[in-house]
Amino acid sequence: MELHKLCANREKLSPGPEQNYNFATLTETKTLGVSWKPNLDCFLIKVKVCLDSSYTKRDVLSTIAKIFDPVGLMAPVISKAKIFLQRLRRSKLEWNDLLPAEEYREWQQFLVSLENINNIEIPRRILVTFPEVTEIHGFADASERCYGAAVYCKSKNLKSETLIRLITSKSRVAPIKSLTIPRLELCAAVLLAKLVKRVVAALQLETAEVYLWSDSMIVLAWLRKEPMDLKTFVQNRVAKIQELHPNQLWRHVPSDQNPADLVSRGVDSDKLLQQNLYMV
């Protein structure tokens, strides 16, 4: 395969002057639809917001689909939009029906806030220089309307330099058929188990220590039991988690220290910038 384009975050790795490449002036480029600033070595999420005098349920879905975030860094913002769309579904609104006044104001406010997502810069680098210790920390949480997971990498070198970075996050809206909070928390744990498995394989971090966290004592109690001793719904999900991460000890995290809480509840993009617990 012939290489046609090359871009790097270090000038020494970039093409020579015969390619007319100016590292200092290249402020942004794209790869697979994801924007990247080489000089700052950070990712950007670009969203074009179109405000209107009216919206339909179809417009809401279209806007959500246009938030291109394949890495999963903006899950709390996308969660809020998904929760709103689920509410429209519960209200039996048809696809081409105009949003009622209250929902229109709420969606308009979300869109105005969504423009702030263009100002968020996410560091690409997730490991400290020459790491000696690498840990993967995964967090799961659920609310009545949504459940989600967030995965972080913590690395440390011999100089005692430590770096903690968000790798990815993911959310799912709660099904229309209501589930209890403990069962939704268990669904979040399954989502986290799958997400961590993918992260470890994709980043080739098989030697990293893995820590899985939940703020639900009920879920932690289920995970300590044999699946056959549990009811079918719980049994299937506990078995799946134990299959993905055998002998993995889950730990408890207080709710106010769980970064996945934002993923499960949703937040406007302007407020996401202020959430240091999530945006490490």
C-alpha atoms as a PDB file:
ATOM      1  CA  MET A   1       0.000   0.000   0.000  1.00  0.00           C
ATOM      2  CA  GLU A   2       1.448   3.373  -1.005  1.00  0.00           C
ATOM      3  CA  LEU A   3       1.492   6.047   1.689  1.00  0.00           C
ATOM      4  CA  HIS A   4      -0.030   9.299   0.427  1.00  0.00           C
ATOM      5  CA  LYS A   5      -0.308  11.476   3.526  1.00  0.00           C
ATOM      6  CA  LEU A   6       1.685  11.736   6.738  1.00  0.00           C
ATOM      7  CA  CYS A   7       1.271  13.924   9.792  1.00  0.00           C
ATOM      8  CA  ALA A   8       3.045  13.786  13.161  1.00  0.00           C
ATOM      9  CA  ASN A   9       3.070  15.702  16.430  1.00  0.00           C
ATOM     10  CA  ARG A  10       6.877  15.968  16.336  1.00  0.00           C
ATOM     11  CA  GLU A  11       8.681  17.939  13.660  1.00  0.00           C
ATOM     12  CA  LYS A  12      11.469  15.334  13.333  1.00  0.00           C
ATOM     13  CA  LEU A  13       8.928  12.687  12.322  1.00  0.00           C
ATOM     14  CA  SER A  14       7.205  14.878   9.766  1.00  0.00           C
ATOM     15  CA  PRO A  15       7.931  14.955   6.015  1.00  0.00           C
ATOM     16  CA  GLY A  16      10.892  17.002   4.827  1.00  0.00           C
ATOM     17  CA  PRO A  17      10.771  20.545   3.418  1.00  0.00           C
ATOM     18  CA  GLU A  18      10.421  19.209  -0.109  1.00  0.00           C
ATOM     19  CA  GLN A  19       6.814  18.337   0.784  1.00  0.00           C
ATOM     20  CA  ASN A  20       6.162  21.973   1.813  1.00  0.00           C
ATOM     21  CA  TYR A  21       5.163  20.825   5.295  1.00  0.00           C
ATOM     22  CA  ASN A  22       5.121  23.537   7.954  1.00  0.00           C
ATOM     23  CA  PHE A  23       4.730  22.041  11.421  1.00  0.00           C
ATOM     24  CA  ALA A  24       4.316  25.409  13.115  1.00  0.00           C
ATOM     25  CA  THR A  25       1.394  26.483  10.929  1.00  0.00           C
ATOM     26  CA  LEU A  26      -0.481  23.175  10.813  1.00  0.00           C
ATOM     27  CA  THR A  27      -3.037  23.692  13.563  1.00  0.00           C
ATOM     28  CA  GLU A  28      -5.565  20.996  12.735  1.00  0.00           C
ATOM     29  CA  THR A  29      -5.970  17.895  10.607  1.00  0.00           C
ATOM     30  CA  LYS A  30      -8.436  15.017  10.349  1.00  0.00           C
ATOM     31  CA  THR A  31      -8.136  11.255  10.419  1.00  0.00           C
ATOM     32  CA  LEU A  32     -11.164   9.006   9.983  1.00  0.00           C
ATOM     33  CA  GLY A  33     -13.368  12.006  10.689  1.00  0.00           C
ATOM     34  CA  VAL A  34     -11.719  12.863  14.021  1.00  0.00           C
ATOM     35  CA  SER A  35     -10.051  16.279  14.285  1.00  0.00           C
ATOM     36  CA  TRP A  36      -6.527  16.420  15.739  1.00  0.00           C
ATOM     37  CA  LYS A  37      -4.237  19.325  16.614  1.00  0.00           C
ATOM     38  CA  PRO A  38      -0.658  18.080  16.009  1.00  0.00           C
ATOM     39  CA  ASN A  39       1.024  21.047  17.697  1.00  0.00           C
ATOM     40  CA  LEU A  40      -0.995  20.508  20.910  1.00  0.00           C
ATOM     41  CA  ASP A  41      -1.440  16.743  20.385  1.00  0.00           C
ATOM     42  CA  CYS A  42      -5.123  16.770  21.303  1.00  0.00           C
ATOM     43  CA  PHE A  43      -8.385  15.568  19.779  1.00  0.00           C
ATOM     44  CA  LEU A  44     -11.357  17.796  18.969  1.00  0.00           C
ATOM     45  CA  ILE A  45     -15.032  16.987  18.566  1.00  0.00           C
ATOM     46  CA  LYS A  46     -16.555  19.149  15.846  1.00  0.00           C
ATOM     47  CA  VAL A  47     -20.309  19.749  15.765  1.00  0.00           C
ATOM     48  CA  LYS A  48     -22.247  22.102  13.500  1.00  0.00           C
ATOM     49  CA  VAL A  49     -25.342  23.345  15.305  1.00  0.00           C
ATOM     50  CA  CYS A  50     -28.367  24.622  13.374  1.00  0.00           C
ATOM     51  CA  LEU A  51     -30.955  26.512  15.418  1.00  0.00           C
ATOM     52  CA  ASP A  52     -34.516  26.651  14.114  1.00  0.00           C
ATOM     53  CA  SER A  53     -37.931  27.968  15.068  1.00  0.00           C
ATOM     54  CA  SER A  54     -39.347  24.441  15.384  1.00  0.00           C
ATOM     55  CA  TYR A  55     -38.127  20.844  15.662  1.00  0.00           C
ATOM     56  CA  THR A  56     -39.581  17.384  15.164  1.00  0.00           C
ATOM     57  CA  LYS A  57     -38.583  14.106  16.779  1.00  0.00           C
ATOM     58  CA  ARG A  58     -36.849  13.268  13.502  1.00  0.00           C
ATOM     59  CA  ASP A  59     -34.755  16.459  13.817  1.00  0.00           C
ATOM     60  CA  VAL A  60     -33.695  15.437  17.320  1.00  0.00           C
ATOM     61  CA  LEU A  61     -32.547  12.012  16.122  1.00  0.00           C
ATOM     62  CA  SER A  62     -30.717  13.583  13.178  1.00  0.00           C
ATOM     63  CA  THR A  63     -28.800  15.949  15.462  1.00  0.00           C
ATOM     64  CA  ILE A  64     -27.764  13.126  17.791  1.00  0.00           C
ATOM     65  CA  ALA A  65     -26.501  11.088  14.837  1.00  0.00           C
ATOM     66  CA  LYS A  66     -24.351  14.027  13.695  1.00  0.00           C
ATOM     67  CA  ILE A  67     -22.368  14.122  16.955  1.00  0.00           C
ATOM     68  CA  PHE A  68     -19.477  12.050  15.638  1.00  0.00           C
ATOM     69  CA  ASP A  69     -17.587  10.710  18.642  1.00  0.00           C
ATOM     70  CA  PRO A  70     -16.168   7.265  17.729  1.00  0.00           C
ATOM     71  CA  VAL A  71     -13.667   7.261  20.606  1.00  0.00           C
ATOM     72  CA  GLY A  72     -16.439   7.850  23.148  1.00  0.00           C
ATOM     73  CA  LEU A  73     -15.154  10.967  24.875  1.00  0.00           C
ATOM     74  CA  MET A  74     -18.385  12.976  24.921  1.00  0.00           C
ATOM     75  CA  ALA A  75     -20.714  10.291  26.300  1.00  0.00           C
ATOM     76  CA  PRO A  76     -22.188  12.542  29.049  1.00  0.00           C
ATOM     77  CA  VAL A  77     -23.336  15.073  26.429  1.00  0.00           C
ATOM     78  CA  ILE A  78     -24.693  12.388  24.107  1.00  0.00           C
ATOM     79  CA  SER A  79     -26.435  10.749  27.079  1.00  0.00           C
ATOM     80  CA  LYS A  80     -28.426  13.910  27.732  1.00  0.00           C
ATOM     81  CA  ALA A  81     -29.603  13.977  24.112  1.00  0.00           C
ATOM     82  CA  LYS A  82     -30.483  10.260  24.188  1.00  0.00           C
ATOM     83  CA  ILE A  83     -32.461  10.699  27.398  1.00  0.00           C
ATOM     84  CA  PHE A  84     -34.404  13.552  25.783  1.00  0.00           C
ATOM     85  CA  LEU A  85     -35.180  11.422  22.711  1.00  0.00           C
ATOM     86  CA  GLN A  86     -36.324   8.538  24.912  1.00  0.00           C
ATOM     87  CA  ARG A  87     -38.698  10.924  26.663  1.00  0.00           C
ATOM     88  CA  LEU A  88     -40.201  11.869  23.296  1.00  0.00           C
ATOM     89  CA  ARG A  89     -40.710   8.185  22.533  1.00  0.00           C
ATOM     90  CA  ARG A  90     -42.519   7.668  25.816  1.00  0.00           C
ATOM     91  CA  SER A  91     -44.831  10.574  24.993  1.00  0.00           C
ATOM     92  CA  LYS A  92     -45.902   8.753  21.786  1.00  0.00           C
ATOM     93  CA  LEU A  93     -44.839  11.705  19.640  1.00  0.00           C
ATOM     94  CA  GLU A  94     -44.733  10.843  15.934  1.00  0.00           C
ATOM     95  CA  TRP A  95     -41.549  11.379  13.917  1.00  0.00           C
ATOM     96  CA  ASN A  96     -42.834  14.433  12.051  1.00  0.00           C
ATOM     97  CA  ASP A  97     -44.784  15.991  14.921  1.00  0.00           C
ATOM     98  CA  LEU A  98     -43.491  19.337  16.184  1.00  0.00           C
ATOM     99  CA  LEU A  99     -42.083  19.375  19.709  1.00  0.00           C
ATOM    100  CA  PRO A 100     -44.410  20.878  22.341  1.00  0.00           C
ATOM    101  CA  ALA A 101     -43.409  24.283  23.746  1.00  0.00           C
ATOM    102  CA  GLU A 102     -41.669  22.952  26.861  1.00  0.00           C
ATOM    103  CA  GLU A 103     -39.681  20.326  24.943  1.00  0.00           C
ATOM    104  CA  TYR A 104     -38.824  22.892  22.257  1.00  0.00           C
ATOM    105  CA  ARG A 105     -37.279  25.246  24.839  1.00  0.00           C
ATOM    106  CA  GLU A 106     -35.335  22.400  26.432  1.00  0.00           C
ATOM    107  CA  TRP A 107     -33.959  21.179  23.084  1.00  0.00           C
ATOM    108  CA  GLN A 108     -33.114  24.718  21.967  1.00  0.00           C
ATOM    109  CA  GLN A 109     -31.166  25.228  25.188  1.00  0.00           C
ATOM    110  CA  PHE A 110     -29.310  21.953  24.625  1.00  0.00           C
ATOM    111  CA  LEU A 111     -28.362  22.992  21.074  1.00  0.00           C
ATOM    112  CA  VAL A 112     -27.053  26.376  22.232  1.00  0.00           C
ATOM    113  CA  SER A 113     -24.931  24.597  24.830  1.00  0.00           C
ATOM    114  CA  LEU A 114     -23.811  21.989  22.282  1.00  0.00           C
ATOM    115  CA  GLU A 115     -21.749  24.592  20.431  1.00  0.00           C
ATOM    116  CA  ASN A 116     -19.345  24.576  23.394  1.00  0.00           C
ATOM    117  CA  ILE A 117     -18.317  21.042  22.489  1.00  0.00           C
ATOM    118  CA  ASN A 118     -16.147  22.583  19.762  1.00  0.00           C
ATOM    119  CA  ASN A 119     -14.004  24.206  22.483  1.00  0.00           C
ATOM    120  CA  ILE A 120     -13.188  20.956  24.281  1.00  0.00           C
ATOM    121  CA  GLU A 121      -9.655  19.640  23.710  1.00  0.00           C
ATOM    122  CA  ILE A 122      -8.878  16.052  24.738  1.00  0.00           C
ATOM    123  CA  PRO A 123      -5.212  15.018  25.105  1.00  0.00           C
ATOM    124  CA  ARG A 124      -4.304  12.149  22.765  1.00  0.00           C
ATOM    125  CA  ARG A 125      -1.442  10.893  24.908  1.00  0.00           C
ATOM    126  CA  ILE A 126      -2.602   8.466  27.583  1.00  0.00           C
ATOM    127  CA  LEU A 127       0.710   7.100  28.934  1.00  0.00           C
ATOM    128  CA  VAL A 128       3.523   8.786  30.837  1.00  0.00           C
ATOM    129  CA  THR A 129       7.021   8.591  29.288  1.00  0.00           C
ATOM    130  CA  PHE A 130       8.572   5.130  29.837  1.00  0.00           C
ATOM    131  CA  PRO A 131       5.790   3.777  32.073  1.00  0.00           C
ATOM    132  CA  GLU A 132       6.732   1.147  34.639  1.00  0.00           C
ATOM    133  CA  VAL A 133       3.244   0.643  36.049  1.00  0.00           C
ATOM    134  CA  THR A 134       0.070   0.777  33.965  1.00  0.00           C
ATOM    135  CA  GLU A 135      -3.430   0.412  35.361  1.00  0.00           C
ATOM    136  CA  ILE A 136      -6.859   0.354  33.722  1.00  0.00           C
ATOM    137  CA  HIS A 137      -9.695   1.694  35.886  1.00  0.00           C
ATOM    138  CA  GLY A 138     -13.268   1.177  34.739  1.00  0.00           C
ATOM    139  CA  PHE A 139     -16.334   2.754  36.370  1.00  0.00           C
ATOM    140  CA  ALA A 140     -20.001   1.815  35.973  1.00  0.00           C
ATOM    141  CA  ASP A 141     -23.128   3.672  37.071  1.00  0.00           C
ATOM    142  CA  ALA A 142     -26.835   3.934  36.314  1.00  0.00           C
ATOM    143  CA  SER A 143     -29.771   6.260  36.833  1.00  0.00           C
ATOM    144  CA  GLU A 144     -33.471   5.694  36.179  1.00  0.00           C
ATOM    145  CA  ARG A 145     -33.076   6.990  32.623  1.00  0.00           C
ATOM    146  CA  CYS A 146     -29.638   5.843  31.479  1.00  0.00           C
ATOM    147  CA  TYR A 147     -26.630   3.707  32.387  1.00  0.00           C
ATOM    148  CA  GLY A 148     -23.023   4.004  31.335  1.00  0.00           C
ATOM    149  CA  ALA A 149     -19.344   3.270  31.811  1.00  0.00           C
ATOM    150  CA  ALA A 150     -16.086   5.214  31.692  1.00  0.00           C
ATOM    151  CA  VAL A 151     -12.570   3.782  31.324  1.00  0.00           C
ATOM    152  CA  TYR A 152      -9.338   5.478  32.405  1.00  0.00           C
ATOM    153  CA  CYS A 153      -5.642   4.676  32.154  1.00  0.00           C
ATOM    154  CA  LYS A 154      -3.226   5.426  35.000  1.00  0.00           C
ATOM    155  CA  SER A 155       0.512   5.147  34.346  1.00  0.00           C
ATOM    156  CA  LYS A 156       3.605   5.826  36.450  1.00  0.00           C
ATOM    157  CA  ASN A 157       7.336   5.775  35.685  1.00  0.00           C
ATOM    158  CA  LEU A 158      10.532   5.488  37.743  1.00  0.00           C
ATOM    159  CA  LYS A 159      10.610   9.266  38.196  1.00  0.00           C
ATOM    160  CA  SER A 160       7.277   8.985  40.048  1.00  0.00           C
ATOM    161  CA  GLU A 161       5.576  10.918  37.252  1.00  0.00           C
ATOM    162  CA  THR A 162       1.918   9.902  37.084  1.00  0.00           C
ATOM    163  CA  LEU A 163      -0.597  10.432  34.299  1.00  0.00           C
ATOM    164  CA  ILE A 164      -4.331   9.660  34.404  1.00  0.00           C
ATOM    165  CA  ARG A 165      -6.312   9.922  31.178  1.00  0.00           C
ATOM    166  CA  LEU A 166      -9.847   9.199  30.005  1.00  0.00           C
ATOM    167  CA  ILE A 167      -9.713   6.523  27.288  1.00  0.00           C
ATOM    168  CA  THR A 168     -13.362   6.042  26.392  1.00  0.00           C
ATOM    169  CA  SER A 169     -16.921   6.045  27.716  1.00  0.00           C
ATOM    170  CA  LYS A 170     -20.248   4.660  26.582  1.00  0.00           C
ATOM    171  CA  SER A 171     -23.910   4.974  27.518  1.00  0.00           C
ATOM    172  CA  ARG A 172     -27.222   3.250  26.939  1.00  0.00           C
ATOM    173  CA  VAL A 173     -30.681   4.652  27.641  1.00  0.00           C
ATOM    174  CA  ALA A 174     -32.778   2.622  30.033  1.00  0.00           C
ATOM    175  CA  PRO A 175     -35.388   0.470  28.260  1.00  0.00           C
ATOM    176  CA  ILE A 176     -38.935   1.788  28.069  1.00  0.00           C
ATOM    177  CA  LYS A 177     -40.017  -1.221  30.108  1.00  0.00           C
ATOM    178  CA  SER A 178     -38.834  -0.039  33.508  1.00  0.00           C
ATOM    179  CA  LEU A 179     -36.121  -1.884  35.419  1.00  0.00           C
ATOM    180  CA  THR A 180     -35.077  -1.477  39.037  1.00  0.00           C
ATOM    181  CA  ILE A 181     -31.984   0.628  39.726  1.00  0.00           C
ATOM    182  CA  PRO A 182     -29.934  -2.426  40.855  1.00  0.00           C
ATOM    183  CA  ARG A 183     -30.716  -4.175  37.557  1.00  0.00           C
ATOM    184  CA  LEU A 184     -29.758  -1.068  35.606  1.00  0.00           C
ATOM    185  CA  GLU A 185     -26.546  -0.896  37.644  1.00  0.00           C
ATOM    186  CA  LEU A 186     -25.893  -4.510  36.637  1.00  0.00           C
ATOM    187  CA  CYS A 187     -26.451  -3.607  32.978  1.00  0.00           C
ATOM    188  CA  ALA A 188     -23.883  -0.847  33.447  1.00  0.00           C
ATOM    189  CA  ALA A 189     -21.442  -3.394  34.869  1.00  0.00           C
ATOM    190  CA  VAL A 190     -21.906  -5.613  31.791  1.00  0.00           C
ATOM    191  CA  LEU A 191     -21.337  -2.604  29.530  1.00  0.00           C
ATOM    192  CA  LEU A 192     -18.170  -1.764  31.466  1.00  0.00           C
ATOM    193  CA  ALA A 193     -16.860  -5.339  31.332  1.00  0.00           C
ATOM    194  CA  LYS A 194     -17.232  -5.390  27.537  1.00  0.00           C
ATOM    195  CA  LEU A 195     -15.713  -1.924  27.154  1.00  0.00           C
ATOM    196  CA  VAL A 196     -12.645  -2.720  29.266  1.00  0.00           C
ATOM    197  CA  LYS A 197     -12.097  -5.955  27.336  1.00  0.00           C
ATOM    198  CA  ARG A 198     -12.065  -3.996  24.066  1.00  0.00           C
ATOM    199  CA  VAL A 199      -9.766  -1.285  25.448  1.00  0.00           C
ATOM    200  CA  VAL A 200      -7.183  -3.761  26.749  1.00  0.00           C
ATOM    201  CA  ALA A 201      -7.124  -5.607  23.418  1.00  0.00           C
ATOM    202  CA  ALA A 202      -7.064  -2.470  21.240  1.00  0.00           C
ATOM    203  CA  LEU A 203      -4.262  -0.772  23.193  1.00  0.00           C
ATOM    204  CA  GLN A 204      -2.352  -4.039  23.776  1.00  0.00           C
ATOM    205  CA  LEU A 205      -2.346  -3.523  27.540  1.00  0.00           C
ATOM    206  CA  GLU A 206      -2.734  -7.180  28.503  1.00  0.00           C
ATOM    207  CA  THR A 207      -0.091  -6.761  31.249  1.00  0.00           C
ATOM    208  CA  ALA A 208      -1.867  -3.791  32.827  1.00  0.00           C
ATOM    209  CA  GLU A 209      -3.629  -4.228  36.148  1.00  0.00           C
ATOM    210  CA  VAL A 210      -7.397  -3.910  35.752  1.00  0.00           C
ATOM    211  CA  TYR A 211      -9.645  -2.380  38.415  1.00  0.00           C
ATOM    212  CA  LEU A 212     -13.434  -2.382  38.004  1.00  0.00           C
ATOM    213  CA  TRP A 213     -15.560  -0.060  40.142  1.00  0.00           C
ATOM    214  CA  SER A 214     -19.271   0.285  40.950  1.00  0.00           C
ATOM    215  CA  ASP A 215     -21.160   2.313  43.559  1.00  0.00           C
ATOM    216  CA  SER A 216     -23.886  -0.345  43.863  1.00  0.00           C
ATOM    217  CA  MET A 217     -23.425  -2.651  46.859  1.00  0.00           C
ATOM    218  CA  ILE A 218     -26.174  -4.920  45.498  1.00  0.00           C
ATOM    219  CA  VAL A 219     -24.329  -5.449  42.208  1.00  0.00           C
ATOM    220  CA  LEU A 220     -21.071  -6.119  44.056  1.00  0.00           C
ATOM    221  CA  ALA A 221     -22.875  -8.730  46.169  1.00  0.00           C
ATOM    222  CA  TRP A 222     -24.294 -10.408  43.034  1.00  0.00           C
ATOM    223  CA  LEU A 223     -20.844 -10.555  41.450  1.00  0.00           C
ATOM    224  CA  ARG A 224     -19.490 -12.456  44.451  1.00  0.00           C
ATOM    225  CA  LYS A 225     -22.067 -15.227  43.993  1.00  0.00           C
ATOM    226  CA  GLU A 226     -22.286 -18.185  41.662  1.00  0.00           C
ATOM    227  CA  PRO A 227     -24.584 -17.321  38.721  1.00  0.00           C
ATOM    228  CA  MET A 228     -26.707 -20.447  39.248  1.00  0.00           C
ATOM    229  CA  ASP A 229     -27.808 -19.098  42.639  1.00  0.00           C
ATOM    230  CA  LEU A 230     -29.370 -15.996  41.073  1.00  0.00           C
ATOM    231  CA  LYS A 231     -32.566 -15.206  39.168  1.00  0.00           C
ATOM    232  CA  THR A 232     -32.428 -15.531  35.379  1.00  0.00           C
ATOM    233  CA  PHE A 233     -32.014 -11.822  34.512  1.00  0.00           C
ATOM    234  CA  VAL A 234     -29.225 -11.360  37.043  1.00  0.00           C
ATOM    235  CA  GLN A 235     -27.755 -14.808  36.410  1.00  0.00           C
ATOM    236  CA  ASN A 236     -27.175 -14.188  32.690  1.00  0.00           C
ATOM    237  CA  ARG A 237     -25.440 -10.873  33.234  1.00  0.00           C
ATOM    238  CA  VAL A 238     -23.299 -11.998  36.151  1.00  0.00           C
ATOM    239  CA  ALA A 239     -22.205 -15.019  34.106  1.00  0.00           C
ATOM    240  CA  LYS A 240     -21.256 -12.727  31.203  1.00  0.00           C
ATOM    241  CA  ILE A 241     -19.199 -10.455  33.442  1.00  0.00           C
ATOM    242  CA  GLN A 242     -17.404 -13.404  35.040  1.00  0.00           C
ATOM    243  CA  GLU A 243     -16.723 -14.840  31.586  1.00  0.00           C
ATOM    244  CA  LEU A 244     -15.156 -11.579  30.376  1.00  0.00           C
ATOM    245  CA  HIS A 245     -13.148 -10.982  33.543  1.00  0.00           C
ATOM    246  CA  PRO A 246     -12.696 -14.239  35.491  1.00  0.00           C
ATOM    247  CA  ASN A 247     -11.366 -13.852  39.041  1.00  0.00           C
ATOM    248  CA  GLN A 248     -11.611 -10.079  38.739  1.00  0.00           C
ATOM    249  CA  LEU A 249     -12.279  -8.398  42.074  1.00  0.00           C
ATOM    250  CA  TRP A 250     -14.765  -5.553  41.732  1.00  0.00           C
ATOM    251  CA  ARG A 251     -14.421  -2.630  44.108  1.00  0.00           C
ATOM    252  CA  HIS A 252     -16.795  -0.097  45.620  1.00  0.00           C
ATOM    253  CA  VAL A 253     -16.549   3.602  44.790  1.00  0.00           C
ATOM    254  CA  PRO A 254     -18.638   6.281  46.551  1.00  0.00           C
ATOM    255  CA  SER A 255     -21.280   7.781  44.270  1.00  0.00           C
ATOM    256  CA  ASP A 256     -19.833  11.295  44.514  1.00  0.00           C
ATOM    257  CA  GLN A 257     -16.444   9.968  43.331  1.00  0.00           C
ATOM    258  CA  ASN A 258     -17.776   7.921  40.414  1.00  0.00           C
ATOM    259  CA  PRO A 259     -16.993   9.621  37.053  1.00  0.00           C
ATOM    260  CA  ALA A 260     -19.524   7.354  35.310  1.00  0.00           C
ATOM    261  CA  ASP A 261     -22.272   9.220  37.188  1.00  0.00           C
ATOM    262  CA  LEU A 262     -22.088  11.957  34.543  1.00  0.00           C
ATOM    263  CA  VAL A 263     -22.401   9.377  31.782  1.00  0.00           C
ATOM    264  CA  SER A 264     -25.553   7.928  33.342  1.00  0.00           C
ATOM    265  CA  ARG A 265     -27.270  11.269  33.982  1.00  0.00           C
ATOM    266  CA  GLY A 266     -26.137  13.413  31.069  1.00  0.00           C
ATOM    267  CA  VAL A 267     -24.784  16.951  31.141  1.00  0.00           C
ATOM    268  CA  ASP A 268     -24.596  19.995  28.854  1.00  0.00           C
ATOM    269  CA  SER A 269     -21.280  20.454  27.058  1.00  0.00           C
ATOM    270  CA  ASP A 270     -20.585  23.828  28.707  1.00  0.00           C
ATOM    271  CA  LYS A 271     -20.865  22.197  32.137  1.00  0.00           C
ATOM    272  CA  LEU A 272     -18.773  19.199  31.066  1.00  0.00           C
ATOM    273  CA  LEU A 273     -15.714  21.465  30.884  1.00  0.00           C
ATOM    274  CA  GLN A 274     -16.090  22.101  34.617  1.00  0.00           C
ATOM    275  CA  GLN A 275     -16.236  18.405  35.545  1.00  0.00           C
ATOM    276  CA  ASN A 276     -12.649  17.599  36.538  1.00  0.00           C
ATOM    277  CA  LEU A 277     -13.682  14.197  37.879  1.00  0.00           C
ATOM    278  CA  TYR A 278     -14.673  13.062  34.371  1.00  0.00           C
ATOM    279  CA  MET A 279     -12.409  15.205  32.174  1.00  0.00           C
ATOM    280  CA  VAL A 280      -9.090  14.090  33.678  1.00  0.00           C
END
